[in-house]
Amino acid sequence: MIALGYIVPTIVAAFFIGFFAPLVGIVVGFFIHIIVLQIRISKKIDRLMDRLDGKNINT
């Protein structure tokens, strides 16, 4: 998934930008990478909070 976020923009940019396509692929892929990681971290935090909600720590 993450690798496609770098490869696909590079291929698309090769048709429009040419020589600078790898730079565009890196920049766009980086932002896709950040978004995917934020979604994964958010899901893990939600699962952890759901687990903790089942246990009452204060009593």
C-alpha atoms as a PDB file:
ATOM      1  CA  MET A   1       0.000   0.000   0.000  1.00  0.00           C
ATOM      2  CA  ILE A   2       2.663   2.489   1.010  1.00  0.00           C
ATOM      3  CA  ALA A   3       4.913   1.534  -1.913  1.00  0.00           C
ATOM      4  CA  LEU A   4       2.086   2.208  -4.353  1.00  0.00           C
ATOM      5  CA  GLY A   5       1.795   5.663  -2.819  1.00  0.00           C
ATOM      6  CA  TYR A   6       5.295   6.371  -4.091  1.00  0.00           C
ATOM      7  CA  ILE A   7       5.267   4.428  -7.368  1.00  0.00           C
ATOM      8  CA  VAL A   8       1.941   5.555  -8.845  1.00  0.00           C
ATOM      9  CA  PRO A   9       2.551   9.322  -8.450  1.00  0.00           C
ATOM     10  CA  THR A  10       6.018   8.889  -9.962  1.00  0.00           C
ATOM     11  CA  ILE A  11       4.612   7.104 -13.015  1.00  0.00           C
ATOM     12  CA  VAL A  12       1.831   9.670 -13.454  1.00  0.00           C
ATOM     13  CA  ALA A  13       4.267  12.565 -13.027  1.00  0.00           C
ATOM     14  CA  ALA A  14       6.596  11.051 -15.634  1.00  0.00           C
ATOM     15  CA  PHE A  15       3.995  11.817 -18.297  1.00  0.00           C
ATOM     16  CA  PHE A  16       3.412  15.411 -17.195  1.00  0.00           C
ATOM     17  CA  ILE A  17       6.681  16.599 -15.664  1.00  0.00           C
ATOM     18  CA  GLY A  18       9.326  14.309 -17.121  1.00  0.00           C
ATOM     19  CA  PHE A  19      12.759  14.636 -15.544  1.00  0.00           C
ATOM     20  CA  PHE A  20      11.472  15.789 -12.140  1.00  0.00           C
ATOM     21  CA  ALA A  21       8.984  12.913 -11.787  1.00  0.00           C
ATOM     22  CA  PRO A  22      10.969  11.151  -9.017  1.00  0.00           C
ATOM     23  CA  LEU A  23      10.884  14.316  -6.909  1.00  0.00           C
ATOM     24  CA  VAL A  24       7.143  14.638  -7.370  1.00  0.00           C
ATOM     25  CA  GLY A  25       6.706  10.945  -6.535  1.00  0.00           C
ATOM     26  CA  ILE A  26       8.716  11.345  -3.341  1.00  0.00           C
ATOM     27  CA  VAL A  27       6.786  14.415  -2.195  1.00  0.00           C
ATOM     28  CA  VAL A  28       3.333  13.029  -3.003  1.00  0.00           C
ATOM     29  CA  GLY A  29       4.266   9.592  -1.643  1.00  0.00           C
ATOM     30  CA  PHE A  30       5.488  11.173   1.581  1.00  0.00           C
ATOM     31  CA  PHE A  31       2.126  12.828   2.169  1.00  0.00           C
ATOM     32  CA  ILE A  32       0.274   9.608   1.330  1.00  0.00           C
ATOM     33  CA  HIS A  33       2.570   7.794   3.753  1.00  0.00           C
ATOM     34  CA  ILE A  34       1.769  10.286   6.526  1.00  0.00           C
ATOM     35  CA  ILE A  35      -1.983   9.959   5.944  1.00  0.00           C
ATOM     36  CA  VAL A  36      -1.866   6.137   5.946  1.00  0.00           C
ATOM     37  CA  LEU A  37       0.226   6.067   9.122  1.00  0.00           C
ATOM     38  CA  GLN A  38      -2.139   8.495  10.866  1.00  0.00           C
ATOM     39  CA  ILE A  39      -5.108   6.310   9.977  1.00  0.00           C
ATOM     40  CA  ARG A  40      -3.354   3.166  11.262  1.00  0.00           C
ATOM     41  CA  ILE A  41      -2.268   4.848  14.502  1.00  0.00           C
ATOM     42  CA  SER A  42      -5.764   6.248  15.025  1.00  0.00           C
ATOM     43  CA  LYS A  43      -7.315   2.791  14.627  1.00  0.00           C
ATOM     44  CA  LYS A  44      -4.854   1.280  17.105  1.00  0.00           C
ATOM     45  CA  ILE A  45      -5.553   4.018  19.637  1.00  0.00           C
ATOM     46  CA  ASP A  46      -9.297   3.457  19.233  1.00  0.00           C
ATOM     47  CA  ARG A  47      -8.847  -0.285  19.834  1.00  0.00           C
ATOM     48  CA  LEU A  48      -6.721   0.415  22.903  1.00  0.00           C
ATOM     49  CA  MET A  49      -9.287   2.859  24.288  1.00  0.00           C
ATOM     50  CA  ASP A  50     -12.069   0.319  23.683  1.00  0.00           C
ATOM     51  CA  ARG A  51     -10.073  -2.252  25.640  1.00  0.00           C
ATOM     52  CA  LEU A  52      -9.503   0.180  28.482  1.00  0.00           C
ATOM     53  CA  ASP A  53     -13.180   1.212  28.531  1.00  0.00           C
ATOM     54  CA  GLY A  54     -14.088  -2.378  29.344  1.00  0.00           C
ATOM     55  CA  LYS A  55     -11.941  -2.254  32.472  1.00  0.00           C
ATOM     56  CA  ASN A  56     -12.636   0.234  35.227  1.00  0.00           C
ATOM     57  CA  ILE A  57      -9.195   1.162  36.495  1.00  0.00           C
ATOM     58  CA  ASN A  58     -10.360   3.514  39.272  1.00  0.00           C
ATOM     59  CA  THR A  59     -12.390   0.974  41.253  1.00  0.00           C
END
